[in-house]
Amino acid sequence: MDKPIPETSDLVKNSVLYKEFLAEREEILKHKWIESEKAGHDIGFEKALLDWIVKHRSAWREKRHRVVPPLGASSA
């Protein structure tokens, strides 16, 4: 297997898309924890992911983009 090129790896880690992925993943993990606590057992990442997408993703994205404008958005 080829090793990633350090410059490419840094480019990816600093990209807006990767930062959005990490922020969304963090929200899903929080949701997983909360729902697992309610259920009294670990509900698993996949169930938490699907539940979060259905119940919270749209509002989370809307709120996030009001606070952090998407790439290419004008500030006028």
Protein backbone atom coordinates (compact mmCIF):
# COMPACT_ATOMS: atom_id res chain seq x y z
CA MET A 1 0.00 0.00 0.00
CA ASP A 2 1.31 3.45 -0.92
CA LYS A 3 2.10 5.92 1.85
CA PRO A 4 0.23 9.24 1.62
CA ILE A 5 2.30 12.22 0.53
CA PRO A 6 2.69 14.55 3.56
CA GLU A 7 1.77 17.66 1.54
CA THR A 8 -1.42 15.99 0.30
CA SER A 9 -2.28 14.83 3.79
CA ASP A 10 -1.89 18.37 5.16
CA LEU A 11 -3.93 19.74 2.27
CA VAL A 12 -6.78 17.36 3.05
CA LYS A 13 -6.66 18.03 6.81
CA ASN A 14 -6.84 21.78 6.20
CA SER A 15 -9.67 21.59 3.66
CA VAL A 16 -13.09 23.02 4.41
CA LEU A 17 -14.70 19.73 3.44
CA TYR A 18 -12.62 17.75 5.93
CA LYS A 19 -13.33 20.28 8.69
CA GLU A 20 -17.07 19.99 7.97
CA PHE A 21 -16.76 16.20 8.11
CA LEU A 22 -15.04 16.36 11.51
CA ALA A 23 -17.63 18.78 12.92
CA GLU A 24 -20.50 16.61 11.70
CA ARG A 25 -18.84 13.46 13.06
CA GLU A 26 -18.47 15.13 16.46
CA GLU A 27 -22.19 15.94 16.52
CA ILE A 28 -23.06 12.36 15.60
CA LEU A 29 -20.84 11.03 18.40
CA LYS A 30 -22.55 13.38 20.89
CA HIS A 31 -25.93 12.17 19.66
CA LYS A 32 -24.76 8.56 19.99
CA TRP A 33 -23.74 9.16 23.58
CA ILE A 34 -27.01 10.88 24.52
CA GLU A 35 -29.21 8.27 22.85
CA SER A 36 -27.14 5.41 24.30
CA GLU A 37 -27.59 6.88 27.78
CA LYS A 38 -31.35 7.07 27.22
CA ALA A 39 -31.47 3.49 25.93
CA GLY A 40 -29.23 2.15 28.69
CA HIS A 41 -26.87 0.54 26.17
CA ASP A 42 -24.64 1.48 23.26
CA ILE A 43 -26.88 2.03 20.24
CA GLY A 44 -23.96 1.90 17.81
CA PHE A 45 -22.61 4.46 15.39
CA GLU A 46 -24.76 3.46 12.41
CA LYS A 47 -28.05 3.81 14.30
CA ALA A 48 -26.90 7.12 15.80
CA LEU A 49 -25.82 8.36 12.37
CA LEU A 50 -29.13 7.55 10.72
CA ASP A 51 -31.14 8.96 13.64
CA TRP A 52 -29.09 12.17 13.69
CA ILE A 53 -29.42 12.64 9.93
CA VAL A 54 -33.19 12.26 10.06
CA LYS A 55 -33.76 14.37 13.18
CA HIS A 56 -30.99 16.96 13.35
CA ARG A 57 -28.76 17.32 10.29
CA SER A 58 -30.74 19.96 8.40
CA ALA A 59 -31.12 22.27 11.39
CA TRP A 60 -27.47 21.74 12.40
CA ARG A 61 -26.23 22.64 8.92
CA GLU A 62 -28.48 25.68 8.70
CA LYS A 63 -27.33 26.95 12.09
CA ARG A 64 -23.67 26.19 11.33
CA HIS A 65 -23.74 28.01 8.01
CA ARG A 66 -25.33 31.04 9.63
CA VAL A 67 -22.39 31.16 12.05
CA VAL A 68 -19.66 29.97 9.64
CA PRO A 69 -20.45 31.03 6.05
CA PRO A 70 -19.80 28.31 3.47
CA LEU A 71 -16.75 28.56 1.24
CA GLY A 72 -17.30 31.08 -1.53
CA ALA A 73 -20.12 32.93 0.25
CA SER A 74 -19.87 36.68 -0.01
CA SER A 75 -19.66 38.73 3.17
CA ALA A 76 -21.48 41.73 1.68
